[in-house]
Amino acid sequence: MRILMPFMLLAVGMAVAVPQPGKQSGPSAKVSLTGCVDEHDGHYILTNDTTLEPKASLRPAAGSAEDNFARYVGQKVSVRGRLAKEPPLPVMTVESLKPVSETCAPAGEQRQ
């Protein structure tokens, strides 16, 4: 019995799931999204850069939405922050924004 005890403890220890650092999921995970900034009814959204379908509602982590997003309307950007699943659109709390292109147009309408 004494010989089996260490093996039994090892088997029990292996059965316990241990979360792995760096692999966050859920509302606290930081994500990056790329798309076009648009404004609808006073709210800023990120749209798909080819279909212009809404992807996420944009909320600034600090400051006002007007100060953070208004100058990027019609531009393709990459945003990083926390994404929360809320109806009708997920809400991205934007911690950083990086311009990608000064224009945004559906596929086939890009200027040469």
PDB file of N, CA and C in Angstrom:
ATOM      1  N   MET A   1       0.814  -1.183   0.000  1.00  0.00           N
ATOM      2  CA  MET A   1       0.000   0.000   0.000  1.00  0.00           C
ATOM      3  C   MET A   1       0.866   1.260   0.000  1.00  0.00           C
ATOM      4  N   ARG A   2       1.955   1.221   0.796  1.00  0.00           N
ATOM      5  CA  ARG A   2       2.854   2.369   0.842  1.00  0.00           C
ATOM      6  C   ARG A   2       3.495   2.635  -0.515  1.00  0.00           C
ATOM      7  N   ILE A   3       3.733   1.604  -1.249  1.00  0.00           N
ATOM      8  CA  ILE A   3       4.351   1.747  -2.557  1.00  0.00           C
ATOM      9  C   ILE A   3       3.353   2.387  -3.545  1.00  0.00           C
ATOM     10  N   LEU A   4       2.086   2.078  -3.453  1.00  0.00           N
ATOM     11  CA  LEU A   4       1.078   2.590  -4.365  1.00  0.00           C
ATOM     12  C   LEU A   4       0.667   4.027  -4.058  1.00  0.00           C
ATOM     13  N   MET A   5       0.838   4.474  -2.809  1.00  0.00           N
ATOM     14  CA  MET A   5       0.380   5.802  -2.406  1.00  0.00           C
ATOM     15  C   MET A   5       0.969   6.933  -3.258  1.00  0.00           C
ATOM     16  N   PRO A   6       2.278   6.979  -3.514  1.00  0.00           N
ATOM     17  CA  PRO A   6       2.808   8.066  -4.343  1.00  0.00           C
ATOM     18  C   PRO A   6       2.213   8.072  -5.760  1.00  0.00           C
ATOM     19  N   PHE A   7       1.977   6.881  -6.303  1.00  0.00           N
ATOM     20  CA  PHE A   7       1.398   6.810  -7.642  1.00  0.00           C
ATOM     21  C   PHE A   7      -0.054   7.278  -7.659  1.00  0.00           C
ATOM     22  N   MET A   8      -0.787   6.979  -6.593  1.00  0.00           N
ATOM     23  CA  MET A   8      -2.176   7.415  -6.499  1.00  0.00           C
ATOM     24  C   MET A   8      -2.243   8.938  -6.373  1.00  0.00           C
ATOM     25  N   LEU A   9      -1.354   9.527  -5.583  1.00  0.00           N
ATOM     26  CA  LEU A   9      -1.318  10.974  -5.442  1.00  0.00           C
ATOM     27  C   LEU A   9      -0.944  11.647  -6.764  1.00  0.00           C
ATOM     28  N   LEU A  10      -0.028  11.035  -7.482  1.00  0.00           N
ATOM     29  CA  LEU A  10       0.372  11.570  -8.779  1.00  0.00           C
ATOM     30  C   LEU A  10      -0.804  11.532  -9.759  1.00  0.00           C
ATOM     31  N   ALA A  11      -1.552  10.460  -9.760  1.00  0.00           N
ATOM     32  CA  ALA A  11      -2.699  10.328 -10.660  1.00  0.00           C
ATOM     33  C   ALA A  11      -3.774  11.362 -10.322  1.00  0.00           C
ATOM     34  N   VAL A  12      -4.019  11.600  -9.028  1.00  0.00           N
ATOM     35  CA  VAL A  12      -5.004  12.594  -8.623  1.00  0.00           C
ATOM     36  C   VAL A  12      -4.525  13.981  -9.023  1.00  0.00           C
ATOM     37  N   GLY A  13      -3.261  14.275  -8.852  1.00  0.00           N
ATOM     38  CA  GLY A  13      -2.699  15.574  -9.215  1.00  0.00           C
ATOM     39  C   GLY A  13      -2.786  15.838 -10.707  1.00  0.00           C
ATOM     40  N   MET A  14      -2.627  14.808 -11.511  1.00  0.00           N
ATOM     41  CA  MET A  14      -2.704  14.978 -12.958  1.00  0.00           C
ATOM     42  C   MET A  14      -4.142  15.198 -13.417  1.00  0.00           C
ATOM     43  N   ALA A  15      -5.108  14.716 -12.657  1.00  0.00           N
ATOM     44  CA  ALA A  15      -6.510  14.858 -13.042  1.00  0.00           C
ATOM     45  C   ALA A  15      -7.044  16.263 -12.790  1.00  0.00           C
ATOM     46  N   VAL A  16      -6.378  17.037 -11.931  1.00  0.00           N
ATOM     47  CA  VAL A  16      -6.812  18.391 -11.638  1.00  0.00           C
ATOM     48  C   VAL A  16      -6.361  19.314 -12.761  1.00  0.00           C
ATOM     49  N   ALA A  17      -7.290  20.055 -13.321  1.00  0.00           N
ATOM     50  CA  ALA A  17      -6.951  20.982 -14.409  1.00  0.00           C
ATOM     51  C   ALA A  17      -6.317  22.229 -13.833  1.00  0.00           C
ATOM     52  N   VAL A  18      -5.185  22.599 -14.374  1.00  0.00           N
ATOM     53  CA  VAL A  18      -4.481  23.794 -13.937  1.00  0.00           C
ATOM     54  C   VAL A  18      -4.532  24.807 -15.081  1.00  0.00           C
ATOM     55  N   PRO A  19      -5.064  26.033 -14.832  1.00  0.00           N
ATOM     56  CA  PRO A  19      -5.093  27.018 -15.908  1.00  0.00           C
ATOM     57  C   PRO A  19      -3.688  27.396 -16.336  1.00  0.00           C
ATOM     58  N   GLN A  20      -3.507  27.583 -17.630  1.00  0.00           N
ATOM     59  CA  GLN A  20      -2.202  27.925 -18.171  1.00  0.00           C
ATOM     60  C   GLN A  20      -2.071  29.436 -18.287  1.00  0.00           C
ATOM     61  N   PRO A  21      -1.004  30.012 -17.745  1.00  0.00           N
ATOM     62  CA  PRO A  21      -0.826  31.455 -17.872  1.00  0.00           C
ATOM     63  C   PRO A  21      -0.659  31.851 -19.326  1.00  0.00           C
ATOM     64  N   GLY A  22      -1.169  33.040 -19.672  1.00  0.00           N
ATOM     65  CA  GLY A  22      -1.037  33.543 -21.023  1.00  0.00           C
ATOM     66  C   GLY A  22      -2.148  33.102 -21.953  1.00  0.00           C
ATOM     67  N   LYS A  23      -2.997  32.195 -21.522  1.00  0.00           N
ATOM     68  CA  LYS A  23      -4.098  31.737 -22.364  1.00  0.00           C
ATOM     69  C   LYS A  23      -5.409  32.171 -21.745  1.00  0.00           C
ATOM     70  N   GLN A  24      -5.624  33.474 -21.693  1.00  0.00           N
ATOM     71  CA  GLN A  24      -6.848  34.005 -21.128  1.00  0.00           C
ATOM     72  C   GLN A  24      -7.974  33.873 -22.121  1.00  0.00           C
ATOM     73  N   SER A  25      -9.180  33.767 -21.592  1.00  0.00           N
ATOM     74  CA  SER A  25     -10.358  33.797 -22.435  1.00  0.00           C
ATOM     75  C   SER A  25     -11.447  34.508 -21.659  1.00  0.00           C
ATOM     76  N   GLY A  26     -12.522  34.844 -22.326  1.00  0.00           N
ATOM     77  CA  GLY A  26     -13.609  35.527 -21.655  1.00  0.00           C
ATOM     78  C   GLY A  26     -13.443  37.024 -21.719  1.00  0.00           C
ATOM     79  N   PRO A  27     -14.193  37.739 -20.863  1.00  0.00           N
ATOM     80  CA  PRO A  27     -14.235  39.184 -20.970  1.00  0.00           C
ATOM     81  C   PRO A  27     -12.933  39.889 -20.636  1.00  0.00           C
ATOM     82  N   SER A  28     -11.999  39.240 -19.948  1.00  0.00           N
ATOM     83  CA  SER A  28     -10.772  39.924 -19.567  1.00  0.00           C
ATOM     84  C   SER A  28      -9.664  39.768 -20.606  1.00  0.00           C
ATOM     85  N   ALA A  29      -9.877  38.976 -21.637  1.00  0.00           N
ATOM     86  CA  ALA A  29      -8.848  38.755 -22.641  1.00  0.00           C
ATOM     87  C   ALA A  29      -8.747  39.954 -23.576  1.00  0.00           C
ATOM     88  N   LYS A  30      -7.524  40.356 -23.890  1.00  0.00           N
ATOM     89  CA  LYS A  30      -7.304  41.440 -24.847  1.00  0.00           C
ATOM     90  C   LYS A  30      -7.288  40.848 -26.249  1.00  0.00           C
ATOM     91  N   VAL A  31      -7.938  41.563 -27.162  1.00  0.00           N
ATOM     92  CA  VAL A  31      -8.002  41.125 -28.548  1.00  0.00           C
ATOM     93  C   VAL A  31      -7.692  42.300 -29.466  1.00  0.00           C
ATOM     94  N   SER A  32      -7.372  41.986 -30.705  1.00  0.00           N
ATOM     95  CA  SER A  32      -7.166  43.005 -31.734  1.00  0.00           C
ATOM     96  C   SER A  32      -8.169  42.769 -32.851  1.00  0.00           C
ATOM     97  N   LEU A  33      -8.742  43.848 -33.353  1.00  0.00           N
ATOM     98  CA  LEU A  33      -9.657  43.795 -34.483  1.00  0.00           C
ATOM     99  C   LEU A  33      -9.225  44.847 -35.493  1.00  0.00           C
ATOM    100  N   THR A  34      -9.414  44.542 -36.760  1.00  0.00           N
ATOM    101  CA  THR A  34      -9.127  45.501 -37.818  1.00  0.00           C
ATOM    102  C   THR A  34     -10.394  45.711 -38.628  1.00  0.00           C
ATOM    103  N   GLY A  35     -10.670  46.956 -38.935  1.00  0.00           N
ATOM    104  CA  GLY A  35     -11.850  47.280 -39.719  1.00  0.00           C
ATOM    105  C   GLY A  35     -11.942  48.779 -39.928  1.00  0.00           C
ATOM    106  N   CYS A  36     -13.127  49.222 -40.317  1.00  0.00           N
ATOM    107  CA  CYS A  36     -13.352  50.629 -40.623  1.00  0.00           C
ATOM    108  C   CYS A  36     -14.200  51.283 -39.535  1.00  0.00           C
ATOM    109  N   VAL A  37     -13.846  52.499 -39.176  1.00  0.00           N
ATOM    110  CA  VAL A  37     -14.604  53.244 -38.173  1.00  0.00           C
ATOM    111  C   VAL A  37     -15.775  53.929 -38.875  1.00  0.00           C
ATOM    112  N   ASP A  38     -16.965  53.783 -38.289  1.00  0.00           N
ATOM    113  CA  ASP A  38     -18.160  54.429 -38.806  1.00  0.00           C
ATOM    114  C   ASP A  38     -18.943  54.971 -37.620  1.00  0.00           C
ATOM    115  N   GLU A  39     -19.873  55.868 -37.901  1.00  0.00           N
ATOM    116  CA  GLU A  39     -20.697  56.470 -36.844  1.00  0.00           C
ATOM    117  C   GLU A  39     -22.161  56.263 -37.206  1.00  0.00           C
ATOM    118  N   HIS A  40     -22.931  55.729 -36.266  1.00  0.00           N
ATOM    119  CA  HIS A  40     -24.371  55.499 -36.436  1.00  0.00           C
ATOM    120  C   HIS A  40     -25.101  56.023 -35.219  1.00  0.00           C
ATOM    121  N   ASP A  41     -25.971  56.983 -35.423  1.00  0.00           N
ATOM    122  CA  ASP A  41     -26.803  57.530 -34.341  1.00  0.00           C
ATOM    123  C   ASP A  41     -25.987  57.966 -33.123  1.00  0.00           C
ATOM    124  N   GLY A  42     -24.853  58.585 -33.370  1.00  0.00           N
ATOM    125  CA  GLY A  42     -24.030  59.085 -32.276  1.00  0.00           C
ATOM    126  C   GLY A  42     -23.137  58.050 -31.627  1.00  0.00           C
ATOM    127  N   HIS A  43     -23.140  56.815 -32.136  1.00  0.00           N
ATOM    128  CA  HIS A  43     -22.294  55.746 -31.601  1.00  0.00           C
ATOM    129  C   HIS A  43     -21.285  55.343 -32.662  1.00  0.00           C
ATOM    130  N   TYR A  44     -20.069  55.092 -32.237  1.00  0.00           N
ATOM    131  CA  TYR A  44     -19.018  54.686 -33.163  1.00  0.00           C
ATOM    132  C   TYR A  44     -18.938  53.173 -33.200  1.00  0.00           C
ATOM    133  N   ILE A  45     -18.797  52.647 -34.414  1.00  0.00           N
ATOM    134  CA  ILE A  45     -18.712  51.201 -34.595  1.00  0.00           C
ATOM    135  C   ILE A  45     -17.527  50.863 -35.478  1.00  0.00           C
ATOM    136  N   LEU A  46     -17.108  49.612 -35.412  1.00  0.00           N
ATOM    137  CA  LEU A  46     -16.079  49.077 -36.288  1.00  0.00           C
ATOM    138  C   LEU A  46     -16.782  48.154 -37.268  1.00  0.00           C
ATOM    139  N   THR A  47     -16.550  48.369 -38.561  1.00  0.00           N
ATOM    140  CA  THR A  47     -17.188  47.538 -39.577  1.00  0.00           C
ATOM    141  C   THR A  47     -16.149  46.666 -40.269  1.00  0.00           C
ATOM    142  N   ASN A  48     -16.619  45.603 -40.904  1.00  0.00           N
ATOM    143  CA  ASN A  48     -15.769  44.762 -41.722  1.00  0.00           C
ATOM    144  C   ASN A  48     -15.235  45.619 -42.860  1.00  0.00           C
ATOM    145  N   ASP A  49     -13.955  45.542 -43.147  1.00  0.00           N
ATOM    146  CA  ASP A  49     -13.361  46.431 -44.147  1.00  0.00           C
ATOM    147  C   ASP A  49     -13.695  46.052 -45.586  1.00  0.00           C
ATOM    148  N   THR A  50     -14.285  44.894 -45.838  1.00  0.00           N
ATOM    149  CA  THR A  50     -14.660  44.540 -47.202  1.00  0.00           C
ATOM    150  C   THR A  50     -16.173  44.591 -47.419  1.00  0.00           C
ATOM    151  N   THR A  51     -16.952  44.169 -46.426  1.00  0.00           N
ATOM    152  CA  THR A  51     -18.414  44.168 -46.588  1.00  0.00           C
ATOM    153  C   THR A  51     -19.078  45.362 -45.914  1.00  0.00           C
ATOM    154  N   LEU A  52     -18.329  46.055 -45.057  1.00  0.00           N
ATOM    155  CA  LEU A  52     -18.819  47.180 -44.256  1.00  0.00           C
ATOM    156  C   LEU A  52     -19.958  46.788 -43.312  1.00  0.00           C
ATOM    157  N   GLU A  53     -20.090  45.486 -43.005  1.00  0.00           N
ATOM    158  CA  GLU A  53     -21.054  45.011 -42.007  1.00  0.00           C
ATOM    159  C   GLU A  53     -20.499  45.317 -40.614  1.00  0.00           C
ATOM    160  N   PRO A  54     -21.351  45.734 -39.670  1.00  0.00           N
ATOM    161  CA  PRO A  54     -20.880  46.033 -38.312  1.00  0.00           C
ATOM    162  C   PRO A  54     -20.231  44.825 -37.637  1.00  0.00           C
ATOM    163  N   LYS A  55     -19.074  45.063 -36.986  1.00  0.00           N
ATOM    164  CA  LYS A  55     -18.352  44.029 -36.245  1.00  0.00           C
ATOM    165  C   LYS A  55     -18.473  44.239 -34.740  1.00  0.00           C
ATOM    166  N   ALA A  56     -18.335  45.505 -34.294  1.00  0.00           N
ATOM    167  CA  ALA A  56     -18.339  45.792 -32.862  1.00  0.00           C
ATOM    168  C   ALA A  56     -18.653  47.257 -32.626  1.00  0.00           C
ATOM    169  N   SER A  57     -19.267  47.520 -31.497  1.00  0.00           N
ATOM    170  CA  SER A  57     -19.484  48.884 -31.045  1.00  0.00           C
ATOM    171  C   SER A  57     -18.203  49.318 -30.336  1.00  0.00           C
ATOM    172  N   LEU A  58     -17.774  50.560 -30.550  1.00  0.00           N
ATOM    173  CA  LEU A  58     -16.514  51.033 -29.964  1.00  0.00           C
ATOM    174  C   LEU A  58     -16.774  51.900 -28.738  1.00  0.00           C
ATOM    175  N   ARG A  59     -16.060  51.618 -27.678  1.00  0.00           N
ATOM    176  CA  ARG A  59     -16.139  52.395 -26.443  1.00  0.00           C
ATOM    177  C   ARG A  59     -14.701  52.697 -26.019  1.00  0.00           C
ATOM    178  N   PRO A  60     -14.386  53.956 -25.744  1.00  0.00           N
ATOM    179  CA  PRO A  60     -13.005  54.265 -25.340  1.00  0.00           C
ATOM    180  C   PRO A  60     -12.731  53.811 -23.905  1.00  0.00           C
ATOM    181  N   ALA A  61     -11.507  53.368 -23.652  1.00  0.00           N
ATOM    182  CA  ALA A  61     -11.103  53.007 -22.298  1.00  0.00           C
ATOM    183  C   ALA A  61     -10.954  54.266 -21.454  1.00  0.00           C
ATOM    184  N   ALA A  62     -10.619  55.389 -22.092  1.00  0.00           N
ATOM    185  CA  ALA A  62     -10.474  56.678 -21.401  1.00  0.00           C
ATOM    186  C   ALA A  62     -10.866  57.790 -22.360  1.00  0.00           C
ATOM    187  N   GLY A  63     -11.411  58.870 -21.824  1.00  0.00           N
ATOM    188  CA  GLY A  63     -11.809  59.999 -22.657  1.00  0.00           C
ATOM    189  C   GLY A  63     -13.163  59.783 -23.292  1.00  0.00           C
ATOM    190  N   SER A  64     -13.518  60.690 -24.185  1.00  0.00           N
ATOM    191  CA  SER A  64     -14.823  60.589 -24.836  1.00  0.00           C
ATOM    192  C   SER A  64     -14.704  59.875 -26.175  1.00  0.00           C
ATOM    193  N   ALA A  65     -15.806  59.294 -26.619  1.00  0.00           N
ATOM    194  CA  ALA A  65     -15.820  58.617 -27.910  1.00  0.00           C
ATOM    195  C   ALA A  65     -15.514  59.604 -29.027  1.00  0.00           C
ATOM    196  N   GLU A  66     -16.059  60.815 -28.925  1.00  0.00           N
ATOM    197  CA  GLU A  66     -15.830  61.842 -29.942  1.00  0.00           C
ATOM    198  C   GLU A  66     -14.330  62.136 -30.074  1.00  0.00           C
ATOM    199  N   ASP A  67     -13.650  62.302 -28.943  1.00  0.00           N
ATOM    200  CA  ASP A  67     -12.217  62.589 -28.957  1.00  0.00           C
ATOM    201  C   ASP A  67     -11.397  61.418 -29.504  1.00  0.00           C
ATOM    202  N   ASN A  68     -11.855  60.198 -29.254  1.00  0.00           N
ATOM    203  CA  ASN A  68     -11.087  59.012 -29.631  1.00  0.00           C
ATOM    204  C   ASN A  68     -11.344  58.502 -31.037  1.00  0.00           C
ATOM    205  N   PHE A  69     -12.584  58.621 -31.533  1.00  0.00           N
ATOM    206  CA  PHE A  69     -12.928  57.948 -32.783  1.00  0.00           C
ATOM    207  C   PHE A  69     -13.349  58.855 -33.939  1.00  0.00           C
ATOM    208  N   ALA A  70     -13.834  60.059 -33.675  1.00  0.00           N
ATOM    209  CA  ALA A  70     -14.402  60.917 -34.718  1.00  0.00           C
ATOM    210  C   ALA A  70     -13.413  61.164 -35.863  1.00  0.00           C
ATOM    211  N   ARG A  71     -12.161  61.389 -35.570  1.00  0.00           N
ATOM    212  CA  ARG A  71     -11.185  61.706 -36.630  1.00  0.00           C
ATOM    213  C   ARG A  71     -10.850  60.499 -37.510  1.00  0.00           C
ATOM    214  N   TYR A  72     -11.268  59.298 -37.103  1.00  0.00           N
ATOM    215  CA  TYR A  72     -10.968  58.087 -37.874  1.00  0.00           C
ATOM    216  C   TYR A  72     -12.159  57.573 -38.680  1.00  0.00           C
ATOM    217  N   VAL A  73     -13.303  58.277 -38.658  1.00  0.00           N
ATOM    218  CA  VAL A  73     -14.476  57.838 -39.418  1.00  0.00           C
ATOM    219  C   VAL A  73     -14.101  57.751 -40.890  1.00  0.00           C
ATOM    220  N   GLY A  74     -14.409  56.602 -41.505  1.00  0.00           N
ATOM    221  CA  GLY A  74     -14.076  56.372 -42.914  1.00  0.00           C
ATOM    222  C   GLY A  74     -12.689  55.817 -43.138  1.00  0.00           C
ATOM    223  N   GLN A  75     -11.933  55.584 -42.060  1.00  0.00           N
ATOM    224  CA  GLN A  75     -10.583  55.052 -42.177  1.00  0.00           C
ATOM    225  C   GLN A  75     -10.517  53.617 -41.672  1.00  0.00           C
ATOM    226  N   LYS A  76      -9.572  52.865 -42.212  1.00  0.00           N
ATOM    227  CA  LYS A  76      -9.308  51.510 -41.739  1.00  0.00           C
ATOM    228  C   LYS A  76      -8.327  51.601 -40.576  1.00  0.00           C
ATOM    229  N   VAL A  77      -8.669  50.939 -39.453  1.00  0.00           N
ATOM    230  CA  VAL A  77      -7.847  50.997 -38.255  1.00  0.00           C
ATOM    231  C   VAL A  77      -7.699  49.606 -37.651  1.00  0.00           C
ATOM    232  N   SER A  78      -6.734  49.485 -36.766  1.00  0.00           N
ATOM    233  CA  SER A  78      -6.573  48.290 -35.943  1.00  0.00           C
ATOM    234  C   SER A  78      -6.751  48.743 -34.496  1.00  0.00           C
ATOM    235  N   VAL A  79      -7.685  48.110 -33.783  1.00  0.00           N
ATOM    236  CA  VAL A  79      -7.940  48.461 -32.390  1.00  0.00           C
ATOM    237  C   VAL A  79      -7.571  47.290 -31.500  1.00  0.00           C
ATOM    238  N   ARG A  80      -7.116  47.607 -30.306  1.00  0.00           N
ATOM    239  CA  ARG A  80      -6.768  46.582 -29.319  1.00  0.00           C
ATOM    240  C   ARG A  80      -7.453  46.947 -28.019  1.00  0.00           C
ATOM    241  N   GLY A  81      -8.019  45.946 -27.381  1.00  0.00           N
ATOM    242  CA  GLY A  81      -8.695  46.174 -26.118  1.00  0.00           C
ATOM    243  C   GLY A  81      -9.448  44.943 -25.671  1.00  0.00           C
ATOM    244  N   ARG A  82     -10.478  45.180 -24.889  1.00  0.00           N
ATOM    245  CA  ARG A  82     -11.273  44.079 -24.331  1.00  0.00           C
ATOM    246  C   ARG A  82     -12.623  44.019 -25.036  1.00  0.00           C
ATOM    247  N   LEU A  83     -13.007  42.822 -25.435  1.00  0.00           N
ATOM    248  CA  LEU A  83     -14.243  42.609 -26.176  1.00  0.00           C
ATOM    249  C   LEU A  83     -15.258  41.917 -25.277  1.00  0.00           C
ATOM    250  N   ALA A  84     -16.434  42.531 -25.153  1.00  0.00           N
ATOM    251  CA  ALA A  84     -17.521  41.957 -24.361  1.00  0.00           C
ATOM    252  C   ALA A  84     -18.675  41.624 -25.296  1.00  0.00           C
ATOM    253  N   LYS A  85     -19.214  40.438 -25.157  1.00  0.00           N
ATOM    254  CA  LYS A  85     -20.332  40.028 -26.006  1.00  0.00           C
ATOM    255  C   LYS A  85     -21.621  40.588 -25.439  1.00  0.00           C
ATOM    256  N   GLU A  86     -22.171  41.581 -26.131  1.00  0.00           N
ATOM    257  CA  GLU A  86     -23.425  42.214 -25.744  1.00  0.00           C
ATOM    258  C   GLU A  86     -24.285  42.347 -26.992  1.00  0.00           C
ATOM    259  N   PRO A  87     -25.586  42.112 -26.876  1.00  0.00           N
ATOM    260  CA  PRO A  87     -26.441  42.298 -28.044  1.00  0.00           C
ATOM    261  C   PRO A  87     -26.697  43.772 -28.296  1.00  0.00           C
ATOM    262  N   PRO A  88     -26.914  44.230 -29.471  1.00  0.00           N
ATOM    263  CA  PRO A  88     -26.889  43.459 -30.715  1.00  0.00           C
ATOM    264  C   PRO A  88     -25.485  43.284 -31.283  1.00  0.00           C
ATOM    265  N   LEU A  89     -24.514  44.085 -30.794  1.00  0.00           N
ATOM    266  CA  LEU A  89     -23.128  43.979 -31.254  1.00  0.00           C
ATOM    267  C   LEU A  89     -22.197  43.790 -30.067  1.00  0.00           C
ATOM    268  N   PRO A  90     -21.109  43.053 -30.253  1.00  0.00           N
ATOM    269  CA  PRO A  90     -20.091  43.014 -29.208  1.00  0.00           C
ATOM    270  C   PRO A  90     -19.567  44.429 -28.966  1.00  0.00           C
ATOM    271  N   VAL A  91     -19.113  44.701 -27.737  1.00  0.00           N
ATOM    272  CA  VAL A  91     -18.580  46.026 -27.403  1.00  0.00           C
ATOM    273  C   VAL A  91     -17.084  45.909 -27.177  1.00  0.00           C
ATOM    274  N   MET A  92     -16.317  46.686 -27.961  1.00  0.00           N
ATOM    275  CA  MET A  92     -14.865  46.719 -27.810  1.00  0.00           C
ATOM    276  C   MET A  92     -14.501  47.944 -26.997  1.00  0.00           C
ATOM    277  N   THR A  93     -13.927  47.722 -25.811  1.00  0.00           N
ATOM    278  CA  THR A  93     -13.382  48.815 -25.015  1.00  0.00           C
ATOM    279  C   THR A  93     -11.955  49.024 -25.509  1.00  0.00           C
ATOM    280  N   VAL A  94     -11.774  50.086 -26.271  1.00  0.00           N
ATOM    281  CA  VAL A  94     -10.536  50.317 -27.015  1.00  0.00           C
ATOM    282  C   VAL A  94      -9.472  50.928 -26.102  1.00  0.00           C
ATOM    283  N   GLU A  95      -8.350  50.226 -25.990  1.00  0.00           N
ATOM    284  CA  GLU A  95      -7.210  50.715 -25.223  1.00  0.00           C
ATOM    285  C   GLU A  95      -6.172  51.349 -26.134  1.00  0.00           C
ATOM    286  N   SER A  96      -6.122  50.913 -27.402  1.00  0.00           N
ATOM    287  CA  SER A  96      -5.218  51.537 -28.371  1.00  0.00           C
ATOM    288  C   SER A  96      -5.829  51.410 -29.758  1.00  0.00           C
ATOM    289  N   LEU A  97      -5.501  52.393 -30.594  1.00  0.00           N
ATOM    290  CA  LEU A  97      -6.000  52.447 -31.968  1.00  0.00           C
ATOM    291  C   LEU A  97      -4.847  52.848 -32.870  1.00  0.00           C
ATOM    292  N   LYS A  98      -4.675  52.113 -33.968  1.00  0.00           N
ATOM    293  CA  LYS A  98      -3.602  52.407 -34.908  1.00  0.00           C
ATOM    294  C   LYS A  98      -4.201  52.507 -36.306  1.00  0.00           C
ATOM    295  N   PRO A  99      -4.017  53.648 -36.996  1.00  0.00           N
ATOM    296  CA  PRO A  99      -4.509  53.772 -38.367  1.00  0.00           C
ATOM    297  C   PRO A  99      -3.807  52.779 -39.288  1.00  0.00           C
ATOM    298  N   VAL A 100      -4.571  52.186 -40.212  1.00  0.00           N
ATOM    299  CA  VAL A 100      -4.018  51.259 -41.193  1.00  0.00           C
ATOM    300  C   VAL A 100      -4.059  51.892 -42.580  1.00  0.00           C
ATOM    301  N   SER A 101      -5.193  52.545 -42.910  1.00  0.00           N
ATOM    302  CA  SER A 101      -5.365  53.186 -44.207  1.00  0.00           C
ATOM    303  C   SER A 101      -6.292  54.381 -44.036  1.00  0.00           C
ATOM    304  N   GLU A 102      -6.080  55.430 -44.824  1.00  0.00           N
ATOM    305  CA  GLU A 102      -6.918  56.627 -44.721  1.00  0.00           C
ATOM    306  C   GLU A 102      -8.277  56.446 -45.379  1.00  0.00           C
ATOM    307  N   THR A 103      -8.458  55.376 -46.133  1.00  0.00           N
ATOM    308  CA  THR A 103      -9.741  55.134 -46.794  1.00  0.00           C
ATOM    309  C   THR A 103     -10.237  53.732 -46.492  1.00  0.00           C
ATOM    310  N   CYS A 104     -11.535  53.561 -46.666  1.00  0.00           N
ATOM    311  CA  CYS A 104     -12.165  52.273 -46.466  1.00  0.00           C
ATOM    312  C   CYS A 104     -13.250  52.125 -47.519  1.00  0.00           C
ATOM    313  N   ALA A 105     -13.210  51.064 -48.276  1.00  0.00           N
ATOM    314  CA  ALA A 105     -14.226  50.829 -49.298  1.00  0.00           C
ATOM    315  C   ALA A 105     -14.430  49.327 -49.438  1.00  0.00           C
ATOM    316  N   PRO A 106     -15.647  48.913 -49.785  1.00  0.00           N
ATOM    317  CA  PRO A 106     -15.888  47.483 -50.006  1.00  0.00           C
ATOM    318  C   PRO A 106     -15.000  46.940 -51.121  1.00  0.00           C
ATOM    319  N   ALA A 107     -14.790  45.624 -51.116  1.00  0.00           N
ATOM    320  CA  ALA A 107     -13.982  44.984 -52.139  1.00  0.00           C
ATOM    321  C   ALA A 107     -14.524  45.344 -53.511  1.00  0.00           C
ATOM    322  N   GLY A 108     -13.646  45.637 -54.452  1.00  0.00           N
ATOM    323  CA  GLY A 108     -14.051  46.001 -55.799  1.00  0.00           C
ATOM    324  C   GLY A 108     -14.209  47.502 -55.975  1.00  0.00           C
ATOM    325  N   GLU A 109     -14.238  48.255 -54.882  1.00  0.00           N
ATOM    326  CA  GLU A 109     -14.379  49.699 -54.963  1.00  0.00           C
ATOM    327  C   GLU A 109     -13.113  50.427 -54.535  1.00  0.00           C
ATOM    328  N   GLN A 110     -12.038  49.701 -54.311  1.00  0.00           N
ATOM    329  CA  GLN A 110     -10.773  50.311 -53.913  1.00  0.00           C
ATOM    330  C   GLN A 110     -10.219  51.121 -55.086  1.00  0.00           C
ATOM    331  N   ARG A 111      -9.718  52.305 -54.803  1.00  0.00           N
ATOM    332  CA  ARG A 111      -9.111  53.147 -55.834  1.00  0.00           C
ATOM    333  C   ARG A 111      -7.723  52.642 -56.151  1.00  0.00           C
ATOM    334  N   GLN A 112      -7.379  52.707 -57.399  1.00  0.00           N
ATOM    335  CA  GLN A 112      -6.053  52.248 -57.840  1.00  0.00           C
ATOM    336  C   GLN A 112      -5.056  53.368 -57.799  1.00  0.00           C
TER     337      GLN A 112
END
